[in-house]
Amino acid sequence: MVVAAAADRRNNHVSPCNSWNQEVDVNLRTRVLLFGGIIGALLGVSVAYLYLRSAPIQVDESGRERLPAVPPGEAIRVGLGILTAIRQIIGLGSPVGK
């Protein structure tokens, strides 16, 4: 039975008793991943646009545009803020009261 189930999985064949549940899981996971990817891409482009608008662009001797260096303390502060936001988003999926 286990060997047959493994062979069925390799051939992308799902037994009738579990096919509906597995299709729903795949569809749900696919939708959540796509939604998260789209939201993440939109947020990333928006933040990059806002950063470019706020940062002064410098031109060096060869005519290249450069952004000013970000101080390490500021980079750490922003990174910790992003990690805090990610932790809060992960916490949305946990049961209430824990």
C-alpha atoms as a PDB file:
ATOM      1  CA  MET A   1       0.000   0.000   0.000  1.00  0.00           C
ATOM      2  CA  VAL A   2       2.797   2.438   0.907  1.00  0.00           C
ATOM      3  CA  VAL A   3       4.778   1.506  -2.214  1.00  0.00           C
ATOM      4  CA  ALA A   4       1.698   2.033  -4.388  1.00  0.00           C
ATOM      5  CA  ALA A   5       1.046   5.425  -2.788  1.00  0.00           C
ATOM      6  CA  ALA A   6       4.656   6.466  -3.394  1.00  0.00           C
ATOM      7  CA  ALA A   7       4.442   5.318  -7.018  1.00  0.00           C
ATOM      8  CA  ASP A   8       1.181   7.214  -7.435  1.00  0.00           C
ATOM      9  CA  ARG A   9       2.829  10.380  -6.040  1.00  0.00           C
ATOM     10  CA  ARG A  10       5.736  10.044  -8.456  1.00  0.00           C
ATOM     11  CA  ASN A  11       3.313   9.804 -11.368  1.00  0.00           C
ATOM     12  CA  ASN A  12       1.287  12.761 -10.063  1.00  0.00           C
ATOM     13  CA  HIS A  13      -1.680  10.469  -9.581  1.00  0.00           C
ATOM     14  CA  VAL A  14      -3.762  11.056  -6.484  1.00  0.00           C
ATOM     15  CA  SER A  15      -6.116   8.454  -5.111  1.00  0.00           C
ATOM     16  CA  PRO A  16      -9.807   9.438  -5.295  1.00  0.00           C
ATOM     17  CA  CYS A  17     -10.288   9.536  -1.522  1.00  0.00           C
ATOM     18  CA  ASN A  18      -7.598  12.203  -0.987  1.00  0.00           C
ATOM     19  CA  SER A  19      -7.646  14.033  -4.321  1.00  0.00           C
ATOM     20  CA  TRP A  20     -10.083  16.768  -3.308  1.00  0.00           C
ATOM     21  CA  ASN A  21      -8.249  17.633  -0.080  1.00  0.00           C
ATOM     22  CA  GLN A  22      -4.873  17.711  -1.808  1.00  0.00           C
ATOM     23  CA  GLU A  23      -6.183  19.833  -4.685  1.00  0.00           C
ATOM     24  CA  VAL A  24      -7.653  22.327  -2.226  1.00  0.00           C
ATOM     25  CA  ASP A  25      -4.344  22.487  -0.307  1.00  0.00           C
ATOM     26  CA  VAL A  26      -2.339  23.036  -3.474  1.00  0.00           C
ATOM     27  CA  ASN A  27      -4.739  25.670  -4.737  1.00  0.00           C
ATOM     28  CA  LEU A  28      -4.749  27.452  -1.376  1.00  0.00           C
ATOM     29  CA  ARG A  29      -0.966  27.356  -1.069  1.00  0.00           C
ATOM     30  CA  THR A  30      -0.555  28.521  -4.648  1.00  0.00           C
ATOM     31  CA  ARG A  31      -2.959  31.408  -4.127  1.00  0.00           C
ATOM     32  CA  VAL A  32      -1.307  32.458  -0.854  1.00  0.00           C
ATOM     33  CA  LEU A  33       2.185  32.312  -2.391  1.00  0.00           C
ATOM     34  CA  LEU A  34       1.101  34.265  -5.461  1.00  0.00           C
ATOM     35  CA  PHE A  35      -0.683  36.864  -3.347  1.00  0.00           C
ATOM     36  CA  GLY A  36       2.333  37.217  -1.047  1.00  0.00           C
ATOM     37  CA  GLY A  37       4.708  37.465  -3.995  1.00  0.00           C
ATOM     38  CA  ILE A  38       2.639  40.152  -5.691  1.00  0.00           C
ATOM     39  CA  ILE A  39       2.245  42.150  -2.472  1.00  0.00           C
ATOM     40  CA  GLY A  40       5.972  41.778  -1.726  1.00  0.00           C
ATOM     41  CA  ALA A  41       6.946  42.927  -5.218  1.00  0.00           C
ATOM     42  CA  LEU A  42       4.622  45.932  -5.051  1.00  0.00           C
ATOM     43  CA  LEU A  43       5.911  46.881  -1.608  1.00  0.00           C
ATOM     44  CA  GLY A  44       9.526  46.469  -2.711  1.00  0.00           C
ATOM     45  CA  VAL A  45       9.089  48.660  -5.796  1.00  0.00           C
ATOM     46  CA  SER A  46       7.188  51.263  -3.759  1.00  0.00           C
ATOM     47  CA  VAL A  47       9.872  51.423  -1.068  1.00  0.00           C
ATOM     48  CA  ALA A  48      12.634  51.656  -3.695  1.00  0.00           C
ATOM     49  CA  TYR A  49      10.766  54.503  -5.427  1.00  0.00           C
ATOM     50  CA  LEU A  50      10.306  56.378  -2.156  1.00  0.00           C
ATOM     51  CA  TYR A  51      13.973  55.836  -1.250  1.00  0.00           C
ATOM     52  CA  LEU A  52      15.086  57.206  -4.616  1.00  0.00           C
ATOM     53  CA  ARG A  53      12.867  60.259  -4.171  1.00  0.00           C
ATOM     54  CA  SER A  54      14.229  61.007  -0.706  1.00  0.00           C
ATOM     55  CA  ALA A  55      17.940  60.235  -1.196  1.00  0.00           C
ATOM     56  CA  PRO A  56      20.133  62.817  -2.895  1.00  0.00           C
ATOM     57  CA  ILE A  57      21.705  61.368  -6.040  1.00  0.00           C
ATOM     58  CA  GLN A  58      25.377  62.275  -6.389  1.00  0.00           C
ATOM     59  CA  VAL A  59      27.344  62.364  -9.646  1.00  0.00           C
ATOM     60  CA  ASP A  60      31.016  61.383  -9.506  1.00  0.00           C
ATOM     61  CA  GLU A  61      33.901  62.541 -11.749  1.00  0.00           C
ATOM     62  CA  SER A  62      33.161  59.965 -14.457  1.00  0.00           C
ATOM     63  CA  GLY A  63      29.510  61.035 -14.669  1.00  0.00           C
ATOM     64  CA  ARG A  64      28.028  58.016 -12.840  1.00  0.00           C
ATOM     65  CA  GLU A  65      25.076  58.542 -10.567  1.00  0.00           C
ATOM     66  CA  ARG A  66      25.568  57.210  -7.044  1.00  0.00           C
ATOM     67  CA  LEU A  67      23.467  57.013  -3.931  1.00  0.00           C
ATOM     68  CA  PRO A  68      25.017  58.074  -0.632  1.00  0.00           C
ATOM     69  CA  ALA A  69      26.318  55.315   1.645  1.00  0.00           C
ATOM     70  CA  VAL A  70      23.899  54.150   4.312  1.00  0.00           C
ATOM     71  CA  PRO A  71      25.404  54.298   7.807  1.00  0.00           C
ATOM     72  CA  PRO A  72      25.731  50.831   9.392  1.00  0.00           C
ATOM     73  CA  GLY A  73      23.650  51.802  12.432  1.00  0.00           C
ATOM     74  CA  GLU A  74      20.804  52.948  10.204  1.00  0.00           C
ATOM     75  CA  ALA A  75      20.989  49.727   8.153  1.00  0.00           C
ATOM     76  CA  ILE A  76      20.812  47.624  11.333  1.00  0.00           C
ATOM     77  CA  ARG A  77      17.855  49.652  12.617  1.00  0.00           C
ATOM     78  CA  VAL A  78      15.951  49.210   9.344  1.00  0.00           C
ATOM     79  CA  GLY A  79      16.817  45.483   9.199  1.00  0.00           C
ATOM     80  CA  LEU A  80      15.536  44.905  12.736  1.00  0.00           C
ATOM     81  CA  GLY A  81      12.350  46.787  11.871  1.00  0.00           C
ATOM     82  CA  ILE A  82      11.804  44.543   8.854  1.00  0.00           C
ATOM     83  CA  LEU A  83      12.422  41.416  10.965  1.00  0.00           C
ATOM     84  CA  THR A  84       9.906  42.680  13.529  1.00  0.00           C
ATOM     85  CA  ALA A  85       7.308  43.192  10.799  1.00  0.00           C
ATOM     86  CA  ILE A  86       7.950  39.687   9.427  1.00  0.00           C
ATOM     87  CA  ARG A  87       7.575  38.214  12.909  1.00  0.00           C
ATOM     88  CA  GLN A  88       4.233  40.002  13.340  1.00  0.00           C
ATOM     89  CA  ILE A  89       3.011  38.713   9.967  1.00  0.00           C
ATOM     90  CA  ILE A  90       3.998  35.148  10.922  1.00  0.00           C
ATOM     91  CA  GLY A  91       2.110  35.606  14.199  1.00  0.00           C
ATOM     92  CA  LEU A  92      -1.121  36.257  12.287  1.00  0.00           C
ATOM     93  CA  GLY A  93      -1.373  32.535  11.582  1.00  0.00           C
ATOM     94  CA  SER A  94      -1.032  31.393  15.189  1.00  0.00           C
ATOM     95  CA  PRO A  95      -4.084  30.669  17.332  1.00  0.00           C
ATOM     96  CA  VAL A  96      -5.430  33.472  19.510  1.00  0.00           C
ATOM     97  CA  GLY A  97      -4.330  33.260  23.157  1.00  0.00           C
ATOM     98  CA  LYS A  98      -0.921  31.708  22.569  1.00  0.00           C
END
